[in-house]
Amino acid sequence: IRIYPTDTITLAAGSNSNQIVCDGTLLTNVIYNTGGGALGAGVTGLPAGLRGDFTAPNIFTISGIPTVAITTTATYTYVITTTGNNANSSLNVASCSPAATITGTITVLPIESITPTVPANSIQTTCYGVDITPIVLTIVGSNTLASVISPTGLPSGMQFDFSPDADGNGGVATISGSPDAVITTQTVYTFTVTTGTLGSTSICTDDTEIITITVSPQDSIVFAGVDTSDLNQTVCELIDIKDIIFDVGGGATNVSVTFETGLGFTDAANVSISGQRVTIFGAPAANSGVNPKSYTYSVMTTNPNSCTVTSTIGGTITVFPP
């Protein structure tokens, strides 16, 4: 009498046949022991990147790094089937069905990621009081949220909104608004969005995205003379006015000065600019038959950052004939 043993396969002591692993991360080997008449084994149902190998006389190992490029958590059920039993070649034991099977699961979590829908929007320059172009970030990760760190929270005047996906695998974060702190010089705000806080329970490596917002200040111009009456003067033709002095600030780096026709002043001949200081000077022209007359002038700031908020100041120069 010839007796063929049926196959057996069991999980090796200390091995875990139901693992959770991050995509792109090394799996802890899953080891099985075969027995009976089994001379080999094969496996089906593994995710890409994992493999099963039989090592004689009785070890079957699942190993590797999953590479499935998923955006949601995926569970793969695998089946190991023994092979090689000599009873398969005997006509007398066709009903023996010696093969043994065993199953397990590999749950693969998506790689945590933060991806701007428009990468260029992560670095923006805006004018004070003008909202940035909203920054939209796609968040991927198992049970993963997003929040702002370094520093904690956004600058005042900006908003952070996170809308989770229905399956809990990330969502969409939107940053909008504009910093509202009053500034006198161009100011850079840098902050970091991360997948690693606010109750995130994914075991995968956190991702971050650095956001940089540069805010150009609003323009300013103030009278810098001793007596404010200098803004509105009365003089005779061909007699020098008292210098009219202004200081510009904020985002302003230059000014445009206009004079009413007939005064005889021009931006080129009667305006000096030194650093942030602007001075109007000179003597009104003779204008026979017209004077006495009050002529207006105005000084408007200009901003190299194309900010539309400008500042204007002005006055009058009343001219009498000699």
Protein backbone atom coordinates (compact mmCIF):
# COMPACT_ATOMS: atom_id res chain seq x y z
CA ILE A 1 0.00 0.00 0.00
CA ARG A 2 1.43 3.39 -0.99
CA ILE A 3 0.13 6.36 1.00
CA TYR A 4 0.66 9.86 -0.31
CA PRO A 5 0.63 12.61 2.29
CA THR A 6 -1.59 15.60 1.68
CA ASP A 7 0.02 19.02 1.57
CA THR A 8 0.06 21.44 4.47
CA ILE A 9 0.98 25.11 4.75
CA THR A 10 1.03 27.17 7.93
CA LEU A 11 2.10 30.66 8.91
CA ALA A 12 5.52 30.63 10.55
CA ALA A 13 5.71 31.69 14.16
CA GLY A 14 6.15 35.44 14.51
CA SER A 15 4.99 36.23 10.96
CA ASN A 16 2.07 38.50 10.20
CA SER A 17 -0.15 37.51 7.29
CA ASN A 18 -2.35 40.62 7.44
CA GLN A 19 0.00 43.56 7.11
CA ILE A 20 -0.49 47.27 6.53
CA VAL A 21 2.30 48.93 4.57
CA CYS A 22 2.83 52.25 2.82
CA ASP A 23 3.20 52.25 -0.94
CA GLY A 24 6.89 52.32 -1.77
CA THR A 25 7.89 51.00 1.68
CA LEU A 26 9.57 47.66 2.38
CA LEU A 27 7.18 44.94 3.55
CA THR A 28 8.11 42.89 6.58
CA ASN A 29 8.62 39.40 5.17
CA VAL A 30 5.69 37.02 5.55
CA ILE A 31 6.98 33.47 6.03
CA TYR A 32 5.10 30.20 5.68
CA ASN A 33 6.10 26.58 6.33
CA THR A 34 4.97 23.88 3.92
CA GLY A 35 4.65 20.21 4.83
CA GLY A 36 3.21 16.85 3.87
CA GLY A 37 3.82 16.10 0.25
CA ALA A 38 4.34 19.72 -0.83
CA LEU A 39 7.50 20.32 -2.80
CA GLY A 40 6.77 23.94 -3.72
CA ALA A 41 4.17 26.71 -3.63
CA GLY A 42 2.91 29.64 -5.64
CA VAL A 43 0.94 32.78 -4.85
CA THR A 44 -1.70 34.91 -6.61
CA GLY A 45 -3.26 38.26 -5.74
CA LEU A 46 -0.20 40.18 -4.56
CA PRO A 47 0.08 43.91 -5.37
CA ALA A 48 2.74 45.02 -7.84
CA GLY A 49 6.19 45.06 -6.30
CA LEU A 50 5.66 42.04 -4.02
CA ARG A 51 6.68 38.48 -4.82
CA GLY A 52 6.52 34.98 -3.39
CA ASP A 53 9.56 32.66 -3.30
CA PHE A 54 9.83 29.01 -2.30
CA THR A 55 13.06 27.88 -0.62
CA ALA A 56 13.58 24.15 -0.32
CA PRO A 57 12.75 22.17 1.57
CA ASN A 58 9.75 23.94 3.11
CA ILE A 59 9.88 27.77 3.30
CA PHE A 60 7.67 30.13 1.31
CA THR A 61 8.34 33.88 1.69
CA ILE A 62 6.40 36.95 0.55
CA SER A 63 8.64 40.02 0.29
CA GLY A 64 9.29 43.22 -1.61
CA ILE A 65 8.15 46.82 -1.86
CA PRO A 66 4.62 47.58 -3.13
CA THR A 67 4.60 49.95 -6.10
CA VAL A 68 0.94 50.43 -6.90
CA ALA A 69 0.77 54.25 -7.24
CA ILE A 70 -2.62 54.53 -5.52
CA THR A 71 -4.43 57.55 -4.14
CA THR A 72 -6.76 55.60 -1.85
CA THR A 73 -6.13 52.72 0.54
CA ALA A 74 -6.27 49.33 -1.19
CA THR A 75 -6.45 45.84 0.36
CA TYR A 76 -5.11 42.87 -1.58
CA THR A 77 -6.09 39.30 -0.64
CA TYR A 78 -3.50 36.78 -1.72
CA VAL A 79 -3.77 32.98 -1.97
CA ILE A 80 -0.83 30.59 -1.59
CA THR A 81 -1.25 27.12 -3.10
CA THR A 82 1.17 24.26 -2.56
CA THR A 83 2.56 22.35 -5.55
CA GLY A 84 4.70 19.33 -6.43
CA ASN A 85 2.96 16.56 -4.53
CA ASN A 86 3.85 13.25 -6.21
CA ALA A 87 0.27 12.06 -5.79
CA ASN A 88 -0.59 14.32 -8.70
CA SER A 89 1.22 11.95 -11.03
CA SER A 90 -0.58 8.81 -9.77
CA LEU A 91 -3.75 7.69 -11.51
CA ASN A 92 -4.77 5.75 -8.42
CA VAL A 93 -5.09 8.79 -6.15
CA ALA A 94 -6.76 11.28 -8.45
CA SER A 95 -9.31 12.09 -5.77
CA CYS A 96 -6.72 12.76 -3.08
CA SER A 97 -6.64 16.53 -3.82
CA PRO A 98 -3.35 16.97 -1.99
CA ALA A 99 -2.86 20.76 -2.62
CA ALA A 100 -3.23 23.05 0.39
CA THR A 101 -4.09 26.76 0.33
CA ILE A 102 -3.84 29.62 2.76
CA THR A 103 -4.81 33.28 2.43
CA GLY A 104 -3.65 36.59 3.81
CA THR A 105 -4.07 40.29 3.16
CA ILE A 106 -1.75 43.16 2.35
CA THR A 107 -3.26 46.61 2.89
CA VAL A 108 -1.35 49.31 1.01
CA LEU A 109 -1.69 52.93 2.09
CA PRO A 110 -1.12 55.72 -0.46
CA ILE A 111 2.00 57.84 -0.16
CA GLU A 112 1.15 61.07 1.67
CA SER A 113 1.49 64.00 -0.69
CA ILE A 114 0.62 67.67 -1.10
CA THR A 115 0.37 68.78 -4.71
CA PRO A 116 -0.47 72.34 -5.81
CA THR A 117 -2.91 72.36 -8.72
CA VAL A 118 -0.89 75.33 -10.03
CA PRO A 119 2.68 74.98 -8.68
CA ALA A 120 3.57 78.60 -9.44
CA ASN A 121 0.88 79.81 -7.03
CA SER A 122 2.86 78.56 -4.03
CA ILE A 123 5.10 81.63 -4.44
CA GLN A 124 3.19 84.87 -4.93
CA THR A 125 3.66 88.62 -4.67
CA THR A 126 0.70 90.84 -3.93
CA CYS A 127 -0.03 94.38 -2.85
CA TYR A 128 -1.26 95.25 0.61
CA GLY A 129 -5.01 94.79 0.73
CA VAL A 130 -5.15 92.72 -2.46
CA ASP A 131 -6.05 89.02 -2.13
CA ILE A 132 -3.67 86.44 -3.48
CA THR A 133 -4.69 84.03 -6.21
CA PRO A 134 -6.13 81.15 -4.16
CA ILE A 135 -3.64 78.34 -3.61
CA VAL A 136 -5.34 74.97 -4.09
CA LEU A 137 -3.53 71.89 -2.75
CA THR A 138 -4.52 68.28 -3.40
CA ILE A 139 -3.90 66.19 -0.26
CA VAL A 140 -3.40 62.42 -0.56
CA GLY A 141 -2.98 59.97 2.31
CA SER A 142 -4.91 57.46 4.37
CA ASN A 143 -7.04 59.23 7.00
CA THR A 144 -4.87 62.27 6.29
CA LEU A 145 -5.74 65.91 6.86
CA ALA A 146 -3.70 69.06 6.34
CA SER A 147 -2.75 72.01 8.51
CA VAL A 148 -0.36 74.94 8.69
CA ILE A 149 2.79 74.85 10.78
CA SER A 150 5.97 76.91 11.08
CA PRO A 151 4.65 79.31 12.23
CA THR A 152 1.45 78.02 13.76
CA GLY A 153 -1.46 79.18 11.63
CA LEU A 154 -1.64 81.66 8.80
CA PRO A 155 -0.95 85.39 8.97
CA SER A 156 -3.97 87.45 10.01
CA GLY A 157 -6.16 88.17 7.02
CA MET A 158 -5.57 84.83 5.32
CA GLN A 159 -7.80 81.76 5.39
CA PHE A 160 -7.08 78.02 5.29
CA ASP A 161 -9.89 75.66 4.33
CA PHE A 162 -9.62 71.87 4.18
CA SER A 163 -12.34 69.75 2.59
CA PRO A 164 -11.79 66.03 3.22
CA ASP A 165 -12.58 63.41 0.61
CA ALA A 166 -15.56 61.19 1.36
CA ASP A 167 -13.30 58.13 1.70
CA GLY A 168 -10.98 59.81 4.22
CA ASN A 169 -7.98 59.56 1.89
CA GLY A 170 -6.94 63.21 1.89
CA GLY A 171 -8.91 66.05 0.35
CA VAL A 172 -8.43 69.59 -0.93
CA ALA A 173 -6.88 72.49 0.98
CA THR A 174 -7.35 76.09 -0.15
CA ILE A 175 -5.38 79.12 1.02
CA SER A 176 -6.85 82.54 0.25
CA GLY A 177 -6.99 86.16 1.41
CA SER A 178 -4.11 88.54 2.05
CA PRO A 179 -2.06 89.45 5.15
CA ASP A 180 -3.67 92.48 6.76
CA ALA A 181 -0.89 93.65 9.09
CA VAL A 182 0.03 97.25 8.25
CA ILE A 183 3.56 97.27 6.83
CA THR A 184 5.97 99.99 5.74
CA THR A 185 8.42 97.80 3.84
CA GLN A 186 8.00 94.81 1.56
CA THR A 187 7.34 91.83 3.82
CA VAL A 188 7.74 88.12 3.11
CA TYR A 189 5.48 85.57 4.83
CA THR A 190 6.64 81.95 4.67
CA PHE A 191 4.66 79.09 6.16
CA THR A 192 4.48 75.33 5.77
CA VAL A 193 1.49 73.11 5.06
CA THR A 194 1.85 69.55 6.35
CA THR A 195 -0.08 66.27 6.31
CA GLY A 196 1.33 65.37 9.70
CA THR A 197 -0.94 66.99 12.26
CA LEU A 198 -4.59 67.55 13.13
CA GLY A 199 -5.28 63.91 13.99
CA SER A 200 -3.60 62.32 11.00
CA THR A 201 -3.24 58.61 11.75
CA SER A 202 -1.49 57.42 8.60
CA ILE A 203 1.73 55.54 9.32
CA CYS A 204 3.27 56.89 6.12
CA THR A 205 5.87 59.63 5.97
CA ASP A 206 4.42 63.13 6.17
CA ASP A 207 4.66 65.51 3.25
CA THR A 208 5.06 69.30 3.35
CA GLU A 209 4.60 72.23 0.99
CA ILE A 210 6.24 75.60 1.61
CA ILE A 211 4.15 78.67 0.77
CA THR A 212 5.75 82.08 0.28
CA ILE A 213 3.69 85.28 0.06
CA THR A 214 5.44 88.61 -0.53
CA VAL A 215 3.36 91.68 0.30
CA SER A 216 4.28 95.11 -1.01
CA PRO A 217 3.17 97.95 1.28
CA GLN A 218 0.74 100.65 0.32
CA ASP A 219 2.28 103.97 -0.72
CA SER A 220 2.51 106.94 1.60
CA ILE A 221 3.44 110.58 1.18
CA VAL A 222 3.51 113.21 3.91
CA PHE A 223 4.39 116.89 4.12
CA ALA A 224 7.86 117.12 5.66
CA GLY A 225 8.32 120.88 5.88
CA VAL A 226 8.21 123.05 8.99
CA ASP A 227 5.04 125.00 8.23
CA THR A 228 2.02 123.39 6.55
CA SER A 229 1.13 126.78 5.08
CA ASP A 230 3.92 126.12 2.61
CA LEU A 231 1.54 123.78 0.80
CA ASN A 232 -0.48 126.78 -0.37
CA GLN A 233 1.67 129.81 -1.07
CA THR A 234 1.31 133.29 -2.51
CA VAL A 235 4.27 134.80 -4.35
CA CYS A 236 5.08 137.32 -7.04
CA GLU A 237 6.14 136.38 -10.54
CA LEU A 238 9.83 135.46 -10.88
CA ILE A 239 10.24 135.21 -7.08
CA ASP A 240 11.25 131.86 -5.58
CA ILE A 241 8.62 130.03 -3.56
CA LYS A 242 9.48 128.51 -0.23
CA ASP A 243 10.60 124.94 -0.83
CA ILE A 244 7.69 122.49 -0.53
CA ILE A 245 9.02 119.25 0.98
CA PHE A 246 7.47 115.78 1.08
CA ASP A 247 8.62 112.35 2.25
CA VAL A 248 7.41 109.22 0.47
CA GLY A 249 7.31 105.77 2.05
CA GLY A 250 5.76 102.34 2.02
CA GLY A 251 6.00 100.82 -1.41
CA ALA A 252 6.58 104.16 -3.15
CA THR A 253 9.96 104.62 -4.77
CA ASN A 254 9.22 107.61 -6.95
CA VAL A 255 6.66 110.34 -7.61
CA SER A 256 4.91 111.97 -10.52
CA VAL A 257 4.43 115.73 -10.10
CA THR A 258 2.00 117.73 -12.23
CA PHE A 259 1.65 121.51 -12.38
CA GLU A 260 -1.18 123.54 -13.81
CA THR A 261 -0.29 125.16 -17.11
CA GLY A 262 0.80 128.78 -16.76
CA LEU A 263 2.75 128.38 -13.52
CA GLY A 264 5.89 127.75 -15.51
CA PHE A 265 6.95 124.76 -13.40
CA THR A 266 7.93 121.38 -14.83
CA ASP A 267 8.65 118.03 -13.23
CA ALA A 268 12.16 118.07 -14.68
CA ALA A 269 13.14 121.64 -13.73
CA ASN A 270 11.33 122.25 -10.45
CA VAL A 271 11.33 118.90 -8.62
CA SER A 272 14.27 117.24 -6.89
CA ILE A 273 14.19 113.72 -5.47
CA SER A 274 16.79 112.48 -3.01
CA GLY A 275 16.06 109.09 -1.54
CA GLN A 276 12.58 109.30 -0.03
CA ARG A 277 12.52 113.14 -0.03
CA VAL A 278 10.78 115.21 -2.71
CA THR A 279 11.25 118.98 -2.98
CA ILE A 280 9.37 121.45 -5.17
CA PHE A 281 11.25 124.71 -5.75
CA GLY A 282 11.70 127.62 -8.13
CA ALA A 283 10.11 130.88 -9.26
CA PRO A 284 6.79 131.16 -11.13
CA ALA A 285 7.00 132.48 -14.64
CA ALA A 286 5.70 135.86 -15.71
CA ASN A 287 2.23 135.47 -17.19
CA SER A 288 1.11 138.95 -18.29
CA GLY A 289 -2.62 139.42 -18.49
CA VAL A 290 -3.40 136.26 -16.54
CA ASN A 291 -2.00 136.79 -13.07
CA PRO A 292 -3.04 137.10 -10.35
CA LYS A 293 -4.07 133.45 -10.51
CA SER A 294 -3.95 130.35 -8.30
CA TYR A 295 -2.22 127.35 -9.91
CA THR A 296 -2.68 123.82 -8.60
CA TYR A 297 -0.05 121.15 -8.31
CA SER A 298 -0.20 117.50 -7.23
CA VAL A 299 2.34 114.88 -6.21
CA MET A 300 1.41 111.21 -6.82
CA THR A 301 3.45 108.25 -5.66
CA THR A 302 4.54 105.51 -8.04
CA ASN A 303 5.11 101.90 -7.09
CA PRO A 304 7.43 99.48 -8.93
CA ASN A 305 5.32 96.51 -7.81
CA SER A 306 2.37 97.68 -9.92
CA CYS A 307 0.28 98.21 -6.81
CA THR A 308 -2.78 100.22 -7.72
CA VAL A 309 -3.12 101.94 -4.34
CA THR A 310 -1.25 105.24 -4.68
CA SER A 311 -1.11 108.33 -2.50
CA THR A 312 -1.56 111.91 -3.70
CA ILE A 313 -0.96 115.26 -2.02
CA GLY A 314 -1.02 118.78 -3.43
CA GLY A 315 -1.81 122.41 -3.01
CA THR A 316 -1.90 125.79 -4.78
CA ILE A 317 0.58 128.50 -5.66
CA THR A 318 -1.05 131.88 -6.12
CA VAL A 319 0.98 134.20 -8.33
CA PHE A 320 0.73 138.01 -8.51
CA PRO A 321 2.32 140.24 -11.10
CA PRO A 322 5.27 142.36 -9.92
